[in-house]
Amino acid sequence: RSFYGGIFLEDELTTSSRIFEFTFKMFA
């Protein structure tokens, strides 16, 4: 919630899982 909340600028994590997967892959 705090790490990806800071990326998406929302901490309920309602952002699409596609964007999460893409961002996680880029960090990896």
Full PDB file with SEQRES, HELIX, SHEET, SSBOND, CRYST1, ORIGX, SCALE, CONECT and MASTER records, all heavy atoms in Angstrom:
SEQRES   1 A   28  ARG SER PHE TYR GLY GLY ILE PHE LEU GLU ASP GLU LEU          
SEQRES   2 A   28  THR THR SER SER ARG ILE PHE GLU PHE THR PHE LYS MET          
SEQRES   3 A   28  PHE ALA                                                      
HELIX    1 AA1 PHE A    3  PHE A    8  1                                   6    
HELIX    2 AA2 SER A   17  PHE A   27  1                                  11    
CRYST1    1.000    1.000    1.000  90.00  90.00  90.00 P 1           1          
ORIGX1      1.000000  0.000000  0.000000        0.00000                         
ORIGX2      0.000000  1.000000  0.000000        0.00000                         
ORIGX3      0.000000  0.000000  1.000000        0.00000                         
SCALE1      1.000000  0.000000  0.000000        0.00000                         
SCALE2      0.000000  1.000000  0.000000        0.00000                         
SCALE3      0.000000  0.000000  1.000000        0.00000                         
ATOM      1  N   ARG A   1       0.826  -1.220   0.000  1.00  0.00           N  
ATOM      2  CA  ARG A   1       0.000   0.000   0.000  1.00  0.00           C  
ATOM      3  C   ARG A   1       0.853   1.259   0.000  1.00  0.00           C  
ATOM      4  O   ARG A   1       0.521   2.238  -0.676  1.00  0.00           O  
ATOM      5  CB  ARG A   1      -0.955   0.006   1.194  1.00  0.00           C  
ATOM      6  CG  ARG A   1      -2.140  -0.917   1.028  1.00  0.00           C  
ATOM      7  CD  ARG A   1      -3.174  -0.697   2.109  1.00  0.00           C  
ATOM      8  NE  ARG A   1      -3.745   0.645   2.055  1.00  0.00           N  
ATOM      9  CZ  ARG A   1      -4.704   1.065   2.871  1.00  0.00           C  
ATOM     10  NH1 ARG A   1      -5.191   0.264   3.810  1.00  0.00           N  
ATOM     11  NH2 ARG A   1      -5.161   2.291   2.764  1.00  0.00           N  
ATOM     12  N   SER A   2       1.957   1.248   0.729  1.00  0.00           N  
ATOM     13  CA  SER A   2       2.780   2.464   0.757  1.00  0.00           C  
ATOM     14  C   SER A   2       3.737   2.521  -0.427  1.00  0.00           C  
ATOM     15  O   SER A   2       3.944   3.596  -1.004  1.00  0.00           O  
ATOM     16  CB  SER A   2       3.542   2.574   2.088  1.00  0.00           C  
ATOM     17  OG  SER A   2       4.192   1.371   2.424  1.00  0.00           O  
ATOM     18  N   PHE A   3       4.313   1.376  -0.853  1.00  0.00           N  
ATOM     19  CA  PHE A   3       5.244   1.415  -1.981  1.00  0.00           C  
ATOM     20  C   PHE A   3       4.504   1.687  -3.285  1.00  0.00           C  
ATOM     21  O   PHE A   3       4.810   2.645  -4.002  1.00  0.00           O  
ATOM     22  CB  PHE A   3       6.017   0.096  -2.080  1.00  0.00           C  
ATOM     23  CG  PHE A   3       7.126   0.127  -3.110  1.00  0.00           C  
ATOM     24  CD1 PHE A   3       8.354   0.677  -2.788  1.00  0.00           C  
ATOM     25  CD2 PHE A   3       6.944  -0.382  -4.379  1.00  0.00           C  
ATOM     26  CE1 PHE A   3       9.387   0.720  -3.724  1.00  0.00           C  
ATOM     27  CE2 PHE A   3       7.959  -0.348  -5.329  1.00  0.00           C  
ATOM     28  CZ  PHE A   3       9.187   0.212  -4.991  1.00  0.00           C  
ATOM     29  N   TYR A   4       3.512   0.870  -3.605  1.00  0.00           N  
ATOM     30  CA  TYR A   4       2.785   1.082  -4.856  1.00  0.00           C  
ATOM     31  C   TYR A   4       1.757   2.203  -4.737  1.00  0.00           C  
ATOM     32  O   TYR A   4       1.387   2.818  -5.744  1.00  0.00           O  
ATOM     33  CB  TYR A   4       2.151  -0.223  -5.334  1.00  0.00           C  
ATOM     34  CG  TYR A   4       3.183  -1.089  -6.003  1.00  0.00           C  
ATOM     35  CD1 TYR A   4       3.891  -2.037  -5.263  1.00  0.00           C  
ATOM     36  CD2 TYR A   4       3.511  -0.919  -7.336  1.00  0.00           C  
ATOM     37  CE1 TYR A   4       4.888  -2.800  -5.854  1.00  0.00           C  
ATOM     38  CE2 TYR A   4       4.505  -1.681  -7.934  1.00  0.00           C  
ATOM     39  CZ  TYR A   4       5.188  -2.615  -7.192  1.00  0.00           C  
ATOM     40  OH  TYR A   4       6.191  -3.349  -7.786  1.00  0.00           O  
ATOM     41  N   GLY A   5       1.321   2.504  -3.523  1.00  0.00           N  
ATOM     42  CA  GLY A   5       0.498   3.691  -3.338  1.00  0.00           C  
ATOM     43  C   GLY A   5       1.251   4.942  -3.742  1.00  0.00           C  
ATOM     44  O   GLY A   5       0.694   5.875  -4.328  1.00  0.00           O  
ATOM     45  N   GLY A   6       2.578   4.964  -3.456  1.00  0.00           N  
ATOM     46  CA  GLY A   6       3.394   6.097  -3.865  1.00  0.00           C  
ATOM     47  C   GLY A   6       3.623   6.160  -5.363  1.00  0.00           C  
ATOM     48  O   GLY A   6       3.858   7.235  -5.914  1.00  0.00           O  
ATOM     49  N   ILE A   7       3.533   5.014  -6.041  1.00  0.00           N  
ATOM     50  CA  ILE A   7       3.688   4.982  -7.499  1.00  0.00           C  
ATOM     51  C   ILE A   7       2.374   5.348  -8.179  1.00  0.00           C  
ATOM     52  O   ILE A   7       2.341   6.160  -9.108  1.00  0.00           O  
ATOM     53  CB  ILE A   7       4.158   3.587  -7.951  1.00  0.00           C  
ATOM     54  CG1 ILE A   7       5.551   3.292  -7.398  1.00  0.00           C  
ATOM     55  CG2 ILE A   7       4.141   3.469  -9.474  1.00  0.00           C  
ATOM     56  CD1 ILE A   7       5.976   1.849  -7.567  1.00  0.00           C  
ATOM     57  N   PHE A   8       1.281   4.743  -7.714  1.00  0.00           N  
ATOM     58  CA  PHE A   8      -0.028   4.981  -8.327  1.00  0.00           C  
ATOM     59  C   PHE A   8      -0.696   6.246  -7.794  1.00  0.00           C  
ATOM     60  O   PHE A   8      -1.682   6.727  -8.360  1.00  0.00           O  
ATOM     61  CB  PHE A   8      -0.971   3.801  -8.060  1.00  0.00           C  
ATOM     62  CG  PHE A   8      -0.462   2.464  -8.549  1.00  0.00           C  
ATOM     63  CD1 PHE A   8      -0.840   1.299  -7.899  1.00  0.00           C  
ATOM     64  CD2 PHE A   8       0.374   2.369  -9.644  1.00  0.00           C  
ATOM     65  CE1 PHE A   8      -0.400   0.054  -8.339  1.00  0.00           C  
ATOM     66  CE2 PHE A   8       0.828   1.131 -10.088  1.00  0.00           C  
ATOM     67  CZ  PHE A   8       0.440  -0.026  -9.437  1.00  0.00           C  
ATOM     68  N   LEU A   9      -0.193   6.769  -6.685  1.00  0.00           N  
ATOM     69  CA  LEU A   9      -0.780   7.922  -5.974  1.00  0.00           C  
ATOM     70  C   LEU A   9      -2.182   7.625  -5.476  1.00  0.00           C  
ATOM     71  O   LEU A   9      -3.042   8.494  -5.431  1.00  0.00           O  
ATOM     72  CB  LEU A   9      -0.751   9.185  -6.855  1.00  0.00           C  
ATOM     73  CG  LEU A   9       0.640   9.604  -7.327  1.00  0.00           C  
ATOM     74  CD1 LEU A   9       0.571  10.917  -8.094  1.00  0.00           C  
ATOM     75  CD2 LEU A   9       1.619   9.701  -6.162  1.00  0.00           C  
ATOM     76  N   GLU A  10      -2.407   6.387  -5.093  1.00  0.00           N  
ATOM     77  CA  GLU A  10      -3.626   5.979  -4.395  1.00  0.00           C  
ATOM     78  C   GLU A  10      -3.295   4.699  -3.633  1.00  0.00           C  
ATOM     79  O   GLU A  10      -2.707   3.776  -4.186  1.00  0.00           O  
ATOM     80  CB  GLU A  10      -4.811   5.797  -5.367  1.00  0.00           C  
ATOM     81  CG  GLU A  10      -4.573   4.814  -6.497  1.00  0.00           C  
ATOM     82  CD  GLU A  10      -4.950   3.391  -6.129  1.00  0.00           C  
ATOM     83  OE1 GLU A  10      -5.587   3.193  -5.077  1.00  0.00           O  
ATOM     84  OE2 GLU A  10      -4.596   2.481  -6.891  1.00  0.00           O  
ATOM     85  N   ASP A  11      -3.623   4.668  -2.325  1.00  0.00           N  
ATOM     86  CA  ASP A  11      -3.197   3.537  -1.507  1.00  0.00           C  
ATOM     87  C   ASP A  11      -4.285   2.497  -1.264  1.00  0.00           C  
ATOM     88  O   ASP A  11      -4.077   1.548  -0.501  1.00  0.00           O  
ATOM     89  CB  ASP A  11      -2.622   4.016  -0.172  1.00  0.00           C  
ATOM     90  CG  ASP A  11      -3.603   4.803   0.666  1.00  0.00           C  
ATOM     91  OD1 ASP A  11      -4.771   4.953   0.242  1.00  0.00           O  
ATOM     92  OD2 ASP A  11      -3.209   5.288   1.742  1.00  0.00           O  
ATOM     93  N   GLU A  12      -5.436   2.643  -1.922  1.00  0.00           N  
ATOM     94  CA  GLU A  12      -6.427   1.569  -1.876  1.00  0.00           C  
ATOM     95  C   GLU A  12      -6.099   0.492  -2.896  1.00  0.00           C  
ATOM     96  O   GLU A  12      -6.740  -0.564  -2.925  1.00  0.00           O  
ATOM     97  CB  GLU A  12      -7.833   2.130  -2.125  1.00  0.00           C  
ATOM     98  CG  GLU A  12      -8.323   3.093  -1.054  1.00  0.00           C  
ATOM     99  CD  GLU A  12      -8.388   2.443   0.319  1.00  0.00           C  
ATOM    100  OE1 GLU A  12      -8.879   1.296   0.417  1.00  0.00           O  
ATOM    101  OE2 GLU A  12      -7.932   3.081   1.291  1.00  0.00           O  
ATOM    102  N   LEU A  13      -5.134   0.764  -3.752  1.00  0.00           N  
ATOM    103  CA  LEU A  13      -4.664  -0.176  -4.780  1.00  0.00           C  
ATOM    104  C   LEU A  13      -5.795  -0.597  -5.706  1.00  0.00           C  
ATOM    105  O   LEU A  13      -5.964  -1.775  -6.038  1.00  0.00           O  
ATOM    106  CB  LEU A  13      -4.002  -1.396  -4.132  1.00  0.00           C  
ATOM    107  CG  LEU A  13      -2.807  -1.084  -3.210  1.00  0.00           C  
ATOM    108  CD1 LEU A  13      -2.211  -2.371  -2.659  1.00  0.00           C  
ATOM    109  CD2 LEU A  13      -1.744  -0.265  -3.927  1.00  0.00           C  
ATOM    110  N   THR A  14      -6.537   0.412  -6.166  1.00  0.00           N  
ATOM    111  CA  THR A  14      -7.614   0.164  -7.135  1.00  0.00           C  
ATOM    112  C   THR A  14      -7.114   0.255  -8.577  1.00  0.00           C  
ATOM    113  O   THR A  14      -7.892   0.026  -9.508  1.00  0.00           O  
ATOM    114  CB  THR A  14      -8.747   1.188  -6.935  1.00  0.00           C  
ATOM    115  OG1 THR A  14      -8.223   2.513  -7.088  1.00  0.00           O  
ATOM    116  CG2 THR A  14      -9.374   1.045  -5.560  1.00  0.00           C  
ATOM    117  N   THR A  15      -5.842   0.571  -8.767  1.00  0.00           N  
ATOM    118  CA  THR A  15      -5.246   0.643 -10.106  1.00  0.00           C  
ATOM    119  C   THR A  15      -5.241  -0.742 -10.754  1.00  0.00           C  
ATOM    120  O   THR A  15      -5.128  -1.768 -10.078  1.00  0.00           O  
ATOM    121  CB  THR A  15      -3.820   1.193 -10.006  1.00  0.00           C  
ATOM    122  OG1 THR A  15      -3.882   2.543  -9.515  1.00  0.00           O  
ATOM    123  CG2 THR A  15      -3.104   1.185 -11.339  1.00  0.00           C  
ATOM    124  N   SER A  16      -5.358  -0.767 -12.079  1.00  0.00           N  
ATOM    125  CA  SER A  16      -5.411  -2.019 -12.829  1.00  0.00           C  
ATOM    126  C   SER A  16      -4.213  -2.916 -12.527  1.00  0.00           C  
ATOM    127  O   SER A  16      -3.072  -2.459 -12.459  1.00  0.00           O  
ATOM    128  CB  SER A  16      -5.452  -1.723 -14.329  1.00  0.00           C  
ATOM    129  OG  SER A  16      -5.190  -2.891 -15.092  1.00  0.00           O  
ATOM    130  N   SER A  17      -4.479  -4.207 -12.416  1.00  0.00           N  
ATOM    131  CA  SER A  17      -3.411  -5.182 -12.187  1.00  0.00           C  
ATOM    132  C   SER A  17      -2.439  -5.237 -13.362  1.00  0.00           C  
ATOM    133  O   SER A  17      -1.277  -5.635 -13.190  1.00  0.00           O  
ATOM    134  CB  SER A  17      -4.007  -6.568 -11.943  1.00  0.00           C  
ATOM    135  OG  SER A  17      -4.857  -6.960 -13.014  1.00  0.00           O  
ATOM    136  N   ARG A  18      -2.877  -4.858 -14.554  1.00  0.00           N  
ATOM    137  CA  ARG A  18      -1.942  -4.823 -15.687  1.00  0.00           C  
ATOM    138  C   ARG A  18      -0.833  -3.808 -15.433  1.00  0.00           C  
ATOM    139  O   ARG A  18       0.341  -4.066 -15.725  1.00  0.00           O  
ATOM    140  CB  ARG A  18      -2.684  -4.473 -16.977  1.00  0.00           C  
ATOM    141  CG  ARG A  18      -3.660  -5.532 -17.456  1.00  0.00           C  
ATOM    142  CD  ARG A  18      -4.380  -5.067 -18.705  1.00  0.00           C  
ATOM    143  NE  ARG A  18      -5.358  -6.053 -19.164  1.00  0.00           N  
ATOM    144  CZ  ARG A  18      -6.202  -5.853 -20.176  1.00  0.00           C  
ATOM    145  NH1 ARG A  18      -6.182  -4.698 -20.830  1.00  0.00           N  
ATOM    146  NH2 ARG A  18      -7.053  -6.801 -20.524  1.00  0.00           N  
ATOM    147  N   ILE A  19      -1.209  -2.657 -14.914  1.00  0.00           N  
ATOM    148  CA  ILE A  19      -0.200  -1.627 -14.641  1.00  0.00           C  
ATOM    149  C   ILE A  19       0.702  -2.068 -13.490  1.00  0.00           C  
ATOM    150  O   ILE A  19       1.912  -1.831 -13.506  1.00  0.00           O  
ATOM    151  CB  ILE A  19      -0.888  -0.279 -14.368  1.00  0.00           C  
ATOM    152  CG1 ILE A  19      -1.596   0.191 -15.641  1.00  0.00           C  
ATOM    153  CG2 ILE A  19       0.108   0.760 -13.872  1.00  0.00           C  
ATOM    154  CD1 ILE A  19      -2.359   1.466 -15.507  1.00  0.00           C  
ATOM    155  N   PHE A  20       0.116  -2.752 -12.494  1.00  0.00           N  
ATOM    156  CA  PHE A  20       0.949  -3.298 -11.422  1.00  0.00           C  
ATOM    157  C   PHE A  20       1.962  -4.295 -11.975  1.00  0.00           C  
ATOM    158  O   PHE A  20       3.156  -4.230 -11.653  1.00  0.00           O  
ATOM    159  CB  PHE A  20       0.091  -3.981 -10.356  1.00  0.00           C  
ATOM    160  CG  PHE A  20       0.910  -4.779  -9.374  1.00  0.00           C  
ATOM    161  CD1 PHE A  20       1.601  -4.154  -8.357  1.00  0.00           C  
ATOM    162  CD2 PHE A  20       1.019  -6.171  -9.507  1.00  0.00           C  
ATOM    163  CE1 PHE A  20       2.390  -4.880  -7.471  1.00  0.00           C  
ATOM    164  CE2 PHE A  20       1.802  -6.906  -8.625  1.00  0.00           C  
ATOM    165  CZ  PHE A  20       2.486  -6.260  -7.605  1.00  0.00           C  
ATOM    166  N   GLU A  21       1.514  -5.241 -12.815  1.00  0.00           N  
ATOM    167  CA  GLU A  21       2.428  -6.235 -13.368  1.00  0.00           C  
ATOM    168  C   GLU A  21       3.537  -5.573 -14.182  1.00  0.00           C  
ATOM    169  O   GLU A  21       4.711  -5.943 -14.074  1.00  0.00           O  
ATOM    170  CB  GLU A  21       1.664  -7.233 -14.245  1.00  0.00           C  
ATOM    171  CG  GLU A  21       0.861  -8.256 -13.470  1.00  0.00           C  
ATOM    172  CD  GLU A  21       0.417  -9.421 -14.347  1.00  0.00           C  
ATOM    173  OE1 GLU A  21       0.297  -9.239 -15.576  1.00  0.00           O  
ATOM    174  OE2 GLU A  21       0.204 -10.514 -13.801  1.00  0.00           O  
ATOM    175  N   PHE A  22       3.155  -4.605 -15.001  1.00  0.00           N  
ATOM    176  CA  PHE A  22       4.152  -3.909 -15.817  1.00  0.00           C  
ATOM    177  C   PHE A  22       5.179  -3.203 -14.939  1.00  0.00           C  
ATOM    178  O   PHE A  22       6.403  -3.324 -15.155  1.00  0.00           O  
ATOM    179  CB  PHE A  22       3.468  -2.903 -16.738  1.00  0.00           C  
ATOM    180  CG  PHE A  22       4.420  -2.003 -17.478  1.00  0.00           C  
ATOM    181  CD1 PHE A  22       5.202  -2.492 -18.505  1.00  0.00           C  
ATOM    182  CD2 PHE A  22       4.547  -0.661 -17.129  1.00  0.00           C  
ATOM    183  CE1 PHE A  22       6.102  -1.673 -19.175  1.00  0.00           C  
ATOM    184  CE2 PHE A  22       5.436   0.160 -17.794  1.00  0.00           C  
ATOM    185  CZ  PHE A  22       6.216  -0.343 -18.820  1.00  0.00           C  
ATOM    186  N   THR A  23       4.710  -2.487 -13.926  1.00  0.00           N  
ATOM    187  CA  THR A  23       5.617  -1.741 -13.064  1.00  0.00           C  
ATOM    188  C   THR A  23       6.518  -2.681 -12.274  1.00  0.00           C  
ATOM    189  O   THR A  23       7.733  -2.438 -12.148  1.00  0.00           O  
ATOM    190  CB  THR A  23       4.814  -0.838 -12.105  1.00  0.00           C  
ATOM    191  OG1 THR A  23       3.916  -0.023 -12.858  1.00  0.00           O  
ATOM    192  CG2 THR A  23       5.732   0.057 -11.297  1.00  0.00           C  
ATOM    193  N   PHE A  24       5.948  -3.749 -11.736  1.00  0.00           N  
ATOM    194  CA  PHE A  24       6.748  -4.728 -10.986  1.00  0.00           C  
ATOM    195  C   PHE A  24       7.835  -5.318 -11.884  1.00  0.00           C  
ATOM    196  O   PHE A  24       8.992  -5.457 -11.470  1.00  0.00           O  
ATOM    197  CB  PHE A  24       5.838  -5.839 -10.447  1.00  0.00           C  
ATOM    198  CG  PHE A  24       6.491  -6.732  -9.427  1.00  0.00           C  
ATOM    199  CD1 PHE A  24       6.226  -6.583  -8.085  1.00  0.00           C  
ATOM    200  CD2 PHE A  24       7.376  -7.737  -9.822  1.00  0.00           C  
ATOM    201  CE1 PHE A  24       6.829  -7.411  -7.135  1.00  0.00           C  
ATOM    202  CE2 PHE A  24       7.989  -8.569  -8.894  1.00  0.00           C  
ATOM    203  CZ  PHE A  24       7.718  -8.402  -7.549  1.00  0.00           C  
ATOM    204  N   LYS A  25       7.485  -5.647 -13.118  1.00  0.00           N  
ATOM    205  CA  LYS A  25       8.458  -6.209 -14.063  1.00  0.00           C  
ATOM    206  C   LYS A  25       9.581  -5.217 -14.334  1.00  0.00           C  
ATOM    207  O   LYS A  25      10.763  -5.595 -14.405  1.00  0.00           O  
ATOM    208  CB  LYS A  25       7.747  -6.586 -15.363  1.00  0.00           C  
ATOM    209  CG  LYS A  25       8.647  -7.210 -16.439  1.00  0.00           C  
ATOM    210  CD  LYS A  25       7.836  -7.508 -17.689  1.00  0.00           C  
ATOM    211  CE  LYS A  25       8.705  -8.091 -18.802  1.00  0.00           C  
ATOM    212  NZ  LYS A  25       9.027  -9.524 -18.550  1.00  0.00           N  
ATOM    213  N   MET A  26       9.242  -3.935 -14.494  1.00  0.00           N  
ATOM    214  CA  MET A  26      10.258  -2.921 -14.756  1.00  0.00           C  
ATOM    215  C   MET A  26      11.225  -2.792 -13.573  1.00  0.00           C  
ATOM    216  O   MET A  26      12.440  -2.644 -13.760  1.00  0.00           O  
ATOM    217  CB  MET A  26       9.609  -1.568 -15.053  1.00  0.00           C  
ATOM    218  CG  MET A  26       8.783  -1.529 -16.339  1.00  0.00           C  
ATOM    219  SD  MET A  26       9.747  -1.859 -17.846  1.00  0.00           S  
ATOM    220  CE  MET A  26       9.330  -3.605 -18.130  1.00  0.00           C  
ATOM    221  N   PHE A  27      10.691  -2.841 -12.343  1.00  0.00           N  
ATOM    222  CA  PHE A  27      11.568  -2.790 -11.167  1.00  0.00           C  
ATOM    223  C   PHE A  27      12.466  -4.020 -11.107  1.00  0.00           C  
ATOM    224  O   PHE A  27      13.634  -3.926 -10.711  1.00  0.00           O  
ATOM    225  CB  PHE A  27      10.739  -2.694  -9.888  1.00  0.00           C  
ATOM    226  CG  PHE A  27      10.337  -1.301  -9.515  1.00  0.00           C  
ATOM    227  CD1 PHE A  27       9.015  -0.882  -9.633  1.00  0.00           C  
ATOM    228  CD2 PHE A  27      11.260  -0.389  -9.034  1.00  0.00           C  
ATOM    229  CE1 PHE A  27       8.634   0.402  -9.291  1.00  0.00           C  
ATOM    230  CE2 PHE A  27      10.891   0.902  -8.685  1.00  0.00           C  
ATOM    231  CZ  PHE A  27       9.576   1.295  -8.815  1.00  0.00           C  
ATOM    232  N   ALA A  28      11.942  -5.176 -11.492  1.00  0.00           N  
ATOM    233  CA  ALA A  28      12.735  -6.403 -11.446  1.00  0.00           C  
ATOM    234  C   ALA A  28      13.818  -6.412 -12.513  1.00  0.00           C  
ATOM    235  O   ALA A  28      14.912  -6.952 -12.301  1.00  0.00           O  
ATOM    236  CB  ALA A  28      11.817  -7.619 -11.608  1.00  0.00           C  
TER     237      ALA A  28                                                      
MASTER        0    0    0    2    0    0    0    6  236    1    0    3          
END                                                                             
